[in-house]
Amino acid sequence: MFGGSFDPIHTGHVRVAQYAFEELGAERLFFIPARQSPHKTESPAAGHHRLAMIQIAIEGMEGFSVSDCELTRSEPSYTLDTIRFFRKQFGEVVLLYWLIGADQLTELHKWYRVQELMDLCRISVMVRAGHPLPDFSRLEGIFSESQIQNMKRDFLPTPRIELSSTDIRHQLAQGIINPQALSPKVYSYIITHRLYDFNKQ
């Protein structure tokens, strides 16, 4: 499960998801666009647009899906609620992974009922090539030894990708974009629906 704003989804998101999917030997991967993260105050594109762009970006990719479970849930949206949703859907024996970036690791202990969350799924920490490795020792005394060992085991050094949705939104607002940043169909969707103030006067 790969959660985030995906505002918009870019080629880096898809490449990282493909890498994690293969490295973890997953059968399914779900992109989960957030309705409203408890840590963010605004989202430039409405949920239905972000959902549609993800559907376009992963079209034809075997094993890849998108879930609207957070978009249809009342705010605020917590990861624990999403994990419970998938646990109920797939049962107790299926191994669930939640993908996070290494920058989120330092705030993990602040997540809503995180101990319960980690009993229901495995947290897989992704680190881009060229970036510092996560310091799991900081988690000692916060999480159990088995929880920390699971995170170390599921750690993923992902390909180096220098793309940012924030930068892409700013570029789109100016009517410019790196052609490698978005799939052509996602780019076309943004133009059609005039998202991110594209070409607005």
C-alpha atoms as a PDB file:
ATOM      1  CA  MET A   1       0.000   0.000   0.000  1.00  0.00           C
ATOM      2  CA  PHE A   2       1.436   3.303  -1.141  1.00  0.00           C
ATOM      3  CA  GLY A   3      -0.307   6.298   0.389  1.00  0.00           C
ATOM      4  CA  GLY A   4       0.193   9.971  -0.313  1.00  0.00           C
ATOM      5  CA  SER A   5      -1.239  13.098  -1.854  1.00  0.00           C
ATOM      6  CA  PHE A   6      -0.099  12.192  -5.404  1.00  0.00           C
ATOM      7  CA  ASP A   7      -0.725  15.769  -6.362  1.00  0.00           C
ATOM      8  CA  PRO A   8      -0.012  15.025  -9.141  1.00  0.00           C
ATOM      9  CA  ILE A   9       1.285  11.476  -9.490  1.00  0.00           C
ATOM     10  CA  HIS A  10       4.581  11.610 -11.381  1.00  0.00           C
ATOM     11  CA  THR A  11       6.855   9.073 -13.048  1.00  0.00           C
ATOM     12  CA  GLY A  12       8.993   8.877  -9.909  1.00  0.00           C
ATOM     13  CA  HIS A  13       6.045   7.617  -7.879  1.00  0.00           C
ATOM     14  CA  VAL A  14       5.413   4.886 -10.425  1.00  0.00           C
ATOM     15  CA  ARG A  15       9.066   3.822 -10.667  1.00  0.00           C
ATOM     16  CA  VAL A  16       9.417   3.604  -6.890  1.00  0.00           C
ATOM     17  CA  ALA A  17       6.180   1.622  -6.659  1.00  0.00           C
ATOM     18  CA  GLN A  18       7.397  -0.812  -9.337  1.00  0.00           C
ATOM     19  CA  TYR A  19      10.680  -1.276  -7.491  1.00  0.00           C
ATOM     20  CA  ALA A  20       8.969  -1.902  -4.129  1.00  0.00           C
ATOM     21  CA  PHE A  21       6.441  -4.238  -5.738  1.00  0.00           C
ATOM     22  CA  GLU A  22       9.217  -6.406  -7.162  1.00  0.00           C
ATOM     23  CA  GLU A  23      11.580  -6.273  -4.165  1.00  0.00           C
ATOM     24  CA  LEU A  24       8.888  -7.223  -1.660  1.00  0.00           C
ATOM     25  CA  GLY A  25       7.482  -9.925  -3.919  1.00  0.00           C
ATOM     26  CA  ALA A  26       4.016  -8.418  -3.662  1.00  0.00           C
ATOM     27  CA  GLU A  27       0.944  -9.770  -5.427  1.00  0.00           C
ATOM     28  CA  ARG A  28      -0.909  -6.450  -5.395  1.00  0.00           C
ATOM     29  CA  LEU A  29       0.036  -2.828  -4.936  1.00  0.00           C
ATOM     30  CA  PHE A  30      -2.517  -0.170  -4.064  1.00  0.00           C
ATOM     31  CA  PHE A  31      -1.991   3.545  -4.552  1.00  0.00           C
ATOM     32  CA  ILE A  32      -4.053   5.302  -1.879  1.00  0.00           C
ATOM     33  CA  PRO A  33      -4.598   9.031  -2.467  1.00  0.00           C
ATOM     34  CA  ALA A  34      -5.290  10.810   0.807  1.00  0.00           C
ATOM     35  CA  ARG A  35      -8.450  12.839   1.248  1.00  0.00           C
ATOM     36  CA  GLN A  36      -6.766  15.084   3.769  1.00  0.00           C
ATOM     37  CA  SER A  37      -3.575  14.198   5.582  1.00  0.00           C
ATOM     38  CA  PRO A  38      -3.633  15.230   9.263  1.00  0.00           C
ATOM     39  CA  HIS A  39      -0.224  16.829   8.613  1.00  0.00           C
ATOM     40  CA  LYS A  40      -1.257  18.966   5.629  1.00  0.00           C
ATOM     41  CA  THR A  41      -3.660  21.875   5.421  1.00  0.00           C
ATOM     42  CA  GLU A  42      -4.471  21.998   1.716  1.00  0.00           C
ATOM     43  CA  SER A  43      -4.421  20.023  -1.497  1.00  0.00           C
ATOM     44  CA  PRO A  44      -4.396  21.894  -4.815  1.00  0.00           C
ATOM     45  CA  ALA A  45      -6.267  19.185  -6.790  1.00  0.00           C
ATOM     46  CA  ALA A  46      -9.562  17.647  -5.755  1.00  0.00           C
ATOM     47  CA  GLY A  47      -9.564  14.003  -4.758  1.00  0.00           C
ATOM     48  CA  HIS A  48     -11.470  12.784  -7.801  1.00  0.00           C
ATOM     49  CA  HIS A  49      -8.864  14.372 -10.090  1.00  0.00           C
ATOM     50  CA  ARG A  50      -5.960  12.798  -8.192  1.00  0.00           C
ATOM     51  CA  LEU A  51      -7.735   9.432  -8.277  1.00  0.00           C
ATOM     52  CA  ALA A  52      -8.271   9.732 -12.030  1.00  0.00           C
ATOM     53  CA  MET A  53      -4.631  10.683 -12.672  1.00  0.00           C
ATOM     54  CA  ILE A  54      -3.417   7.638 -10.736  1.00  0.00           C
ATOM     55  CA  GLN A  55      -5.763   5.391 -12.710  1.00  0.00           C
ATOM     56  CA  ILE A  56      -4.323   6.835 -15.918  1.00  0.00           C
ATOM     57  CA  ALA A  57      -0.700   6.528 -14.749  1.00  0.00           C
ATOM     58  CA  ILE A  58      -0.967   2.816 -13.820  1.00  0.00           C
ATOM     59  CA  GLU A  59      -3.199   1.738 -16.688  1.00  0.00           C
ATOM     60  CA  GLY A  60      -2.154  -1.686 -17.951  1.00  0.00           C
ATOM     61  CA  MET A  61       0.267  -2.352 -15.068  1.00  0.00           C
ATOM     62  CA  GLU A  62      -0.420  -5.858 -13.787  1.00  0.00           C
ATOM     63  CA  GLY A  63      -1.038  -6.048 -10.052  1.00  0.00           C
ATOM     64  CA  PHE A  64      -1.397  -2.269  -9.657  1.00  0.00           C
ATOM     65  CA  SER A  65      -4.632  -0.724  -8.394  1.00  0.00           C
ATOM     66  CA  VAL A  66      -5.890   2.481  -6.835  1.00  0.00           C
ATOM     67  CA  SER A  67      -8.201   2.672  -3.829  1.00  0.00           C
ATOM     68  CA  ASP A  68     -10.536   5.529  -2.985  1.00  0.00           C
ATOM     69  CA  CYS A  69     -10.976   4.322   0.612  1.00  0.00           C
ATOM     70  CA  GLU A  70      -9.441   7.484   2.087  1.00  0.00           C
ATOM     71  CA  LEU A  71     -11.203   9.822  -0.315  1.00  0.00           C
ATOM     72  CA  THR A  72     -14.587   8.511   0.788  1.00  0.00           C
ATOM     73  CA  ARG A  73     -13.777   8.589   4.507  1.00  0.00           C
ATOM     74  CA  SER A  74     -14.589  11.469   6.830  1.00  0.00           C
ATOM     75  CA  GLU A  75     -11.672  13.729   7.751  1.00  0.00           C
ATOM     76  CA  PRO A  76      -9.117  13.468   9.169  1.00  0.00           C
ATOM     77  CA  SER A  77      -7.690  10.386   7.501  1.00  0.00           C
ATOM     78  CA  TYR A  78      -5.488   8.073   9.539  1.00  0.00           C
ATOM     79  CA  THR A  79      -3.291   5.298   8.209  1.00  0.00           C
ATOM     80  CA  LEU A  80      -4.629   2.944  10.880  1.00  0.00           C
ATOM     81  CA  ASP A  81      -8.142   3.235   9.448  1.00  0.00           C
ATOM     82  CA  THR A  82      -6.821   2.352   6.014  1.00  0.00           C
ATOM     83  CA  ILE A  83      -4.874  -0.652   7.292  1.00  0.00           C
ATOM     84  CA  ARG A  84      -7.994  -1.895   9.105  1.00  0.00           C
ATOM     85  CA  PHE A  85      -9.941  -1.525   5.843  1.00  0.00           C
ATOM     86  CA  PHE A  86      -7.469  -3.692   3.929  1.00  0.00           C
ATOM     87  CA  ARG A  87      -7.054  -6.162   6.794  1.00  0.00           C
ATOM     88  CA  LYS A  88     -10.811  -6.703   6.814  1.00  0.00           C
ATOM     89  CA  GLN A  89     -10.773  -7.099   3.031  1.00  0.00           C
ATOM     90  CA  PHE A  90      -7.891  -9.593   2.824  1.00  0.00           C
ATOM     91  CA  GLY A  91      -8.032 -11.366   6.178  1.00  0.00           C
ATOM     92  CA  GLU A  92      -5.535 -11.999   8.936  1.00  0.00           C
ATOM     93  CA  VAL A  93      -3.034 -14.228   7.134  1.00  0.00           C
ATOM     94  CA  VAL A  94      -2.103 -11.859   4.291  1.00  0.00           C
ATOM     95  CA  LEU A  95       1.087  -9.878   4.852  1.00  0.00           C
ATOM     96  CA  LEU A  96       0.412  -6.164   4.396  1.00  0.00           C
ATOM     97  CA  TYR A  97       3.161  -3.610   3.754  1.00  0.00           C
ATOM     98  CA  TRP A  98       2.797   0.151   4.129  1.00  0.00           C
ATOM     99  CA  LEU A  99       5.404   2.095   2.146  1.00  0.00           C
ATOM    100  CA  ILE A 100       6.876   5.264   3.641  1.00  0.00           C
ATOM    101  CA  GLY A 101       9.722   7.571   2.708  1.00  0.00           C
ATOM    102  CA  ALA A 102      12.758   7.737   4.998  1.00  0.00           C
ATOM    103  CA  ASP A 103      11.877  11.344   5.843  1.00  0.00           C
ATOM    104  CA  GLN A 104       8.695  10.067   7.527  1.00  0.00           C
ATOM    105  CA  LEU A 105      10.578   7.714   9.829  1.00  0.00           C
ATOM    106  CA  THR A 106      11.497  10.404  12.373  1.00  0.00           C
ATOM    107  CA  GLU A 107       7.809  11.279  12.767  1.00  0.00           C
ATOM    108  CA  LEU A 108       6.523   7.711  12.787  1.00  0.00           C
ATOM    109  CA  HIS A 109       6.157   7.584  16.563  1.00  0.00           C
ATOM    110  CA  LYS A 110       3.703  10.516  16.331  1.00  0.00           C
ATOM    111  CA  TRP A 111       1.325   8.671  14.024  1.00  0.00           C
ATOM    112  CA  TYR A 112      -2.127   7.928  15.371  1.00  0.00           C
ATOM    113  CA  ARG A 113      -2.076   4.701  17.436  1.00  0.00           C
ATOM    114  CA  VAL A 114       1.091   3.633  15.647  1.00  0.00           C
ATOM    115  CA  GLN A 115       1.708   0.609  17.896  1.00  0.00           C
ATOM    116  CA  GLU A 116      -1.619  -0.871  16.843  1.00  0.00           C
ATOM    117  CA  LEU A 117      -0.838   0.033  13.246  1.00  0.00           C
ATOM    118  CA  MET A 118       2.445  -1.872  13.353  1.00  0.00           C
ATOM    119  CA  ASP A 119       0.707  -4.922  14.759  1.00  0.00           C
ATOM    120  CA  LEU A 120      -1.542  -4.982  11.698  1.00  0.00           C
ATOM    121  CA  CYS A 121       1.039  -4.374   8.960  1.00  0.00           C
ATOM    122  CA  ARG A 122       4.734  -4.077   8.184  1.00  0.00           C
ATOM    123  CA  ILE A 123       6.294  -0.657   7.587  1.00  0.00           C
ATOM    124  CA  SER A 124       8.679  -0.630   4.635  1.00  0.00           C
ATOM    125  CA  VAL A 125      10.992   2.393   4.639  1.00  0.00           C
ATOM    126  CA  MET A 126      12.135   3.608   1.220  1.00  0.00           C
ATOM    127  CA  VAL A 127      15.385   5.540   0.803  1.00  0.00           C
ATOM    128  CA  ARG A 128      16.425   7.072  -2.503  1.00  0.00           C
ATOM    129  CA  ALA A 129      19.901   6.257  -3.763  1.00  0.00           C
ATOM    130  CA  GLY A 130      22.389   8.899  -2.678  1.00  0.00           C
ATOM    131  CA  HIS A 131      20.456   9.809   0.452  1.00  0.00           C
ATOM    132  CA  PRO A 132      21.498   8.886   4.025  1.00  0.00           C
ATOM    133  CA  LEU A 133      20.422   5.490   5.297  1.00  0.00           C
ATOM    134  CA  PRO A 134      17.764   5.503   8.020  1.00  0.00           C
ATOM    135  CA  ASP A 135      18.973   5.478  11.614  1.00  0.00           C
ATOM    136  CA  PHE A 136      16.799   2.781  13.147  1.00  0.00           C
ATOM    137  CA  SER A 137      18.640   3.110  16.462  1.00  0.00           C
ATOM    138  CA  ARG A 138      16.598   6.256  17.123  1.00  0.00           C
ATOM    139  CA  LEU A 139      13.527   4.076  17.390  1.00  0.00           C
ATOM    140  CA  GLU A 140      14.859   2.003  20.267  1.00  0.00           C
ATOM    141  CA  GLY A 141      12.701   2.465  23.333  1.00  0.00           C
ATOM    142  CA  ILE A 142       9.835   3.681  21.146  1.00  0.00           C
ATOM    143  CA  PHE A 143       9.074   0.494  19.236  1.00  0.00           C
ATOM    144  CA  SER A 144       9.637  -3.129  20.175  1.00  0.00           C
ATOM    145  CA  GLU A 145      12.763  -4.958  19.070  1.00  0.00           C
ATOM    146  CA  SER A 146      10.710  -7.158  16.725  1.00  0.00           C
ATOM    147  CA  GLN A 147       9.052  -4.104  15.128  1.00  0.00           C
ATOM    148  CA  ILE A 148      12.437  -2.470  14.540  1.00  0.00           C
ATOM    149  CA  GLN A 149      13.880  -5.690  13.126  1.00  0.00           C
ATOM    150  CA  ASN A 150      10.941  -5.956  10.727  1.00  0.00           C
ATOM    151  CA  MET A 151      11.599  -2.414   9.484  1.00  0.00           C
ATOM    152  CA  LYS A 152      15.281  -3.202   9.001  1.00  0.00           C
ATOM    153  CA  ARG A 153      14.351  -6.353   7.082  1.00  0.00           C
ATOM    154  CA  ASP A 154      11.840  -4.528   4.884  1.00  0.00           C
ATOM    155  CA  PHE A 155      14.071  -1.496   4.224  1.00  0.00           C
ATOM    156  CA  LEU A 156      14.152  -0.583   0.500  1.00  0.00           C
ATOM    157  CA  PRO A 157      16.996   1.406  -1.137  1.00  0.00           C
ATOM    158  CA  THR A 158      15.103   2.742  -4.159  1.00  0.00           C
ATOM    159  CA  PRO A 159      16.446   4.241  -7.417  1.00  0.00           C
ATOM    160  CA  ARG A 160      17.559   7.865  -7.340  1.00  0.00           C
ATOM    161  CA  ILE A 161      14.666   9.992  -8.581  1.00  0.00           C
ATOM    162  CA  GLU A 162      14.786  13.764  -8.286  1.00  0.00           C
ATOM    163  CA  LEU A 163      11.150  14.667  -8.813  1.00  0.00           C
ATOM    164  CA  SER A 164       8.804  16.573  -6.541  1.00  0.00           C
ATOM    165  CA  SER A 165       5.050  17.056  -6.891  1.00  0.00           C
ATOM    166  CA  THR A 166       5.459  20.516  -5.353  1.00  0.00           C
ATOM    167  CA  ASP A 167       7.997  21.525  -8.012  1.00  0.00           C
ATOM    168  CA  ILE A 168       5.823  20.038 -10.739  1.00  0.00           C
ATOM    169  CA  ARG A 169       2.795  22.048  -9.565  1.00  0.00           C
ATOM    170  CA  HIS A 170       4.835  25.241  -9.623  1.00  0.00           C
ATOM    171  CA  GLN A 171       6.088  24.461 -13.118  1.00  0.00           C
ATOM    172  CA  LEU A 172       2.589  23.691 -14.365  1.00  0.00           C
ATOM    173  CA  ALA A 173       1.321  26.967 -12.950  1.00  0.00           C
ATOM    174  CA  GLN A 174       3.858  28.656 -15.244  1.00  0.00           C
ATOM    175  CA  GLY A 175       2.811  26.539 -18.222  1.00  0.00           C
ATOM    176  CA  ILE A 176       6.052  24.539 -18.326  1.00  0.00           C
ATOM    177  CA  ILE A 177       6.946  20.979 -17.393  1.00  0.00           C
ATOM    178  CA  ASN A 178       9.805  18.506 -17.624  1.00  0.00           C
ATOM    179  CA  PRO A 179       8.527  15.963 -20.193  1.00  0.00           C
ATOM    180  CA  GLN A 180      10.070  13.146 -18.142  1.00  0.00           C
ATOM    181  CA  ALA A 181       8.136  14.097 -15.014  1.00  0.00           C
ATOM    182  CA  LEU A 182       4.616  13.074 -16.042  1.00  0.00           C
ATOM    183  CA  SER A 183       3.183  10.417 -18.285  1.00  0.00           C
ATOM    184  CA  PRO A 184       1.794  11.975 -21.494  1.00  0.00           C
ATOM    185  CA  LYS A 185      -1.760  10.923 -20.588  1.00  0.00           C
ATOM    186  CA  VAL A 186      -1.533  12.426 -17.100  1.00  0.00           C
ATOM    187  CA  TYR A 187      -0.154  15.627 -18.601  1.00  0.00           C
ATOM    188  CA  SER A 188      -3.029  15.684 -21.085  1.00  0.00           C
ATOM    189  CA  TYR A 189      -5.521  15.212 -18.235  1.00  0.00           C
ATOM    190  CA  ILE A 190      -4.026  18.170 -16.367  1.00  0.00           C
ATOM    191  CA  ILE A 191      -4.284  20.380 -19.448  1.00  0.00           C
ATOM    192  CA  THR A 192      -7.848  19.271 -20.204  1.00  0.00           C
ATOM    193  CA  HIS A 193      -9.057  19.954 -16.684  1.00  0.00           C
ATOM    194  CA  ARG A 194      -6.911  23.071 -16.184  1.00  0.00           C
ATOM    195  CA  LEU A 195      -5.429  21.762 -12.937  1.00  0.00           C
ATOM    196  CA  TYR A 196      -2.782  23.656 -10.971  1.00  0.00           C
ATOM    197  CA  ASP A 197      -3.776  26.910 -12.711  1.00  0.00           C
ATOM    198  CA  PHE A 198      -2.355  25.581 -15.961  1.00  0.00           C
ATOM    199  CA  ASN A 199      -2.692  28.285 -18.640  1.00  0.00           C
ATOM    200  CA  LYS A 200      -5.166  30.262 -16.543  1.00  0.00           C
ATOM    201  CA  GLN A 201      -4.991  34.003 -16.983  1.00  0.00           C
END
